[in-house]
Amino acid sequence: MRIRIDPVACDAYGYCAELLPELVAIDEWGYPMVDGKPVPASLLALAARAAKECPRRAVMMETTND
């Protein structure tokens, strides 16, 4: 699994970065950035929570082929 951010839907609340600072960085305008790498197993629950609780539904979990 990996996380993806929809930049159009995102309003830069930063909640995803608070929940998942290991995978989500914030740019100079306050928007989240992810590198697209697979989410480590130890962080899957937090990544799913970040996707579920995003106020704008801009954070998504995707299945990878890795």
C-alpha atoms as a PDB file:
ATOM      1  CA  MET A   1       0.000   0.000   0.000  1.00  0.00           C
ATOM      2  CA  ARG A   2       1.029   3.589  -0.504  1.00  0.00           C
ATOM      3  CA  ILE A   3      -0.556   6.939   0.226  1.00  0.00           C
ATOM      4  CA  ARG A   4      -1.441   9.522  -2.369  1.00  0.00           C
ATOM      5  CA  ILE A   5      -2.529  13.134  -1.932  1.00  0.00           C
ATOM      6  CA  ASP A   6      -5.073  14.783  -4.225  1.00  0.00           C
ATOM      7  CA  PRO A   7      -3.610  18.307  -4.462  1.00  0.00           C
ATOM      8  CA  VAL A   8      -6.843  19.755  -5.854  1.00  0.00           C
ATOM      9  CA  ALA A   9      -8.952  18.485  -2.947  1.00  0.00           C
ATOM     10  CA  CYS A  10      -6.395  19.333  -0.244  1.00  0.00           C
ATOM     11  CA  ASP A  11      -6.940  22.483   1.837  1.00  0.00           C
ATOM     12  CA  ALA A  12      -3.663  22.134   3.800  1.00  0.00           C
ATOM     13  CA  TYR A  13      -5.130  21.283   7.191  1.00  0.00           C
ATOM     14  CA  GLY A  14      -1.964  19.306   7.977  1.00  0.00           C
ATOM     15  CA  TYR A  15      -3.734  16.582   9.906  1.00  0.00           C
ATOM     16  CA  CYS A  16      -2.137  13.857   7.787  1.00  0.00           C
ATOM     17  CA  ALA A  17       1.345  15.166   8.610  1.00  0.00           C
ATOM     18  CA  GLU A  18       0.503  15.263  12.314  1.00  0.00           C
ATOM     19  CA  LEU A  19      -0.631  11.626  12.228  1.00  0.00           C
ATOM     20  CA  LEU A  20       2.072  10.390   9.905  1.00  0.00           C
ATOM     21  CA  PRO A  21       5.193  12.580  10.069  1.00  0.00           C
ATOM     22  CA  GLU A  22       7.326   9.610   8.973  1.00  0.00           C
ATOM     23  CA  LEU A  23       5.692   9.654   5.520  1.00  0.00           C
ATOM     24  CA  VAL A  24       4.093  13.076   5.042  1.00  0.00           C
ATOM     25  CA  ALA A  25       6.122  16.277   4.816  1.00  0.00           C
ATOM     26  CA  ILE A  26       4.669  19.774   4.606  1.00  0.00           C
ATOM     27  CA  ASP A  27       5.837  22.182   1.903  1.00  0.00           C
ATOM     28  CA  GLU A  28       6.418  25.914   2.391  1.00  0.00           C
ATOM     29  CA  TRP A  29       2.713  26.649   1.720  1.00  0.00           C
ATOM     30  CA  GLY A  30       1.475  24.076   4.220  1.00  0.00           C
ATOM     31  CA  TYR A  31       0.498  21.375   1.726  1.00  0.00           C
ATOM     32  CA  PRO A  32       1.428  17.715   2.263  1.00  0.00           C
ATOM     33  CA  MET A  33       4.005  15.926   0.139  1.00  0.00           C
ATOM     34  CA  VAL A  34       4.602  12.176  -0.080  1.00  0.00           C
ATOM     35  CA  ASP A  35       7.305  10.293  -1.936  1.00  0.00           C
ATOM     36  CA  GLY A  36       5.077   7.477  -3.236  1.00  0.00           C
ATOM     37  CA  LYS A  37       7.063   4.709  -1.585  1.00  0.00           C
ATOM     38  CA  PRO A  38       5.183   1.777  -0.052  1.00  0.00           C
ATOM     39  CA  VAL A  39       3.930   2.325   3.484  1.00  0.00           C
ATOM     40  CA  PRO A  40       5.832   0.155   5.978  1.00  0.00           C
ATOM     41  CA  ALA A  41       3.661  -2.442   7.717  1.00  0.00           C
ATOM     42  CA  SER A  42       4.226  -0.741  11.063  1.00  0.00           C
ATOM     43  CA  LEU A  43       2.588   2.458   9.752  1.00  0.00           C
ATOM     44  CA  LEU A  44      -0.344   0.984   7.818  1.00  0.00           C
ATOM     45  CA  ALA A  45      -2.873   1.631  10.591  1.00  0.00           C
ATOM     46  CA  LEU A  46      -1.827   5.277  10.912  1.00  0.00           C
ATOM     47  CA  ALA A  47      -1.861   5.739   7.150  1.00  0.00           C
ATOM     48  CA  ALA A  48      -5.374   4.305   6.944  1.00  0.00           C
ATOM     49  CA  ARG A  49      -6.466   6.617   9.763  1.00  0.00           C
ATOM     50  CA  ALA A  50      -4.965   9.640   7.997  1.00  0.00           C
ATOM     51  CA  ALA A  51      -6.888   8.724   4.827  1.00  0.00           C
ATOM     52  CA  LYS A  52     -10.130   8.086   6.691  1.00  0.00           C
ATOM     53  CA  GLU A  53      -9.999  11.240   8.798  1.00  0.00           C
ATOM     54  CA  CYS A  54      -8.822  13.747   6.187  1.00  0.00           C
ATOM     55  CA  PRO A  55     -11.411  16.558   6.292  1.00  0.00           C
ATOM     56  CA  ARG A  56     -11.292  16.984   2.500  1.00  0.00           C
ATOM     57  CA  ARG A  57     -10.765  13.282   1.617  1.00  0.00           C
ATOM     58  CA  ALA A  58      -7.549  14.297  -0.139  1.00  0.00           C
ATOM     59  CA  VAL A  59      -5.479  11.451   1.342  1.00  0.00           C
ATOM     60  CA  MET A  60      -5.957   8.057  -0.280  1.00  0.00           C
ATOM     61  CA  MET A  61      -4.550   4.592   0.172  1.00  0.00           C
ATOM     62  CA  GLU A  62      -3.609   2.730  -3.009  1.00  0.00           C
ATOM     63  CA  THR A  63      -2.513  -0.824  -3.615  1.00  0.00           C
ATOM     64  CA  THR A  64       0.975  -1.121  -5.071  1.00  0.00           C
ATOM     65  CA  ASN A  65       2.361  -3.848  -7.295  1.00  0.00           C
ATOM     66  CA  ASP A  66       5.628  -4.012  -5.316  1.00  0.00           C
END
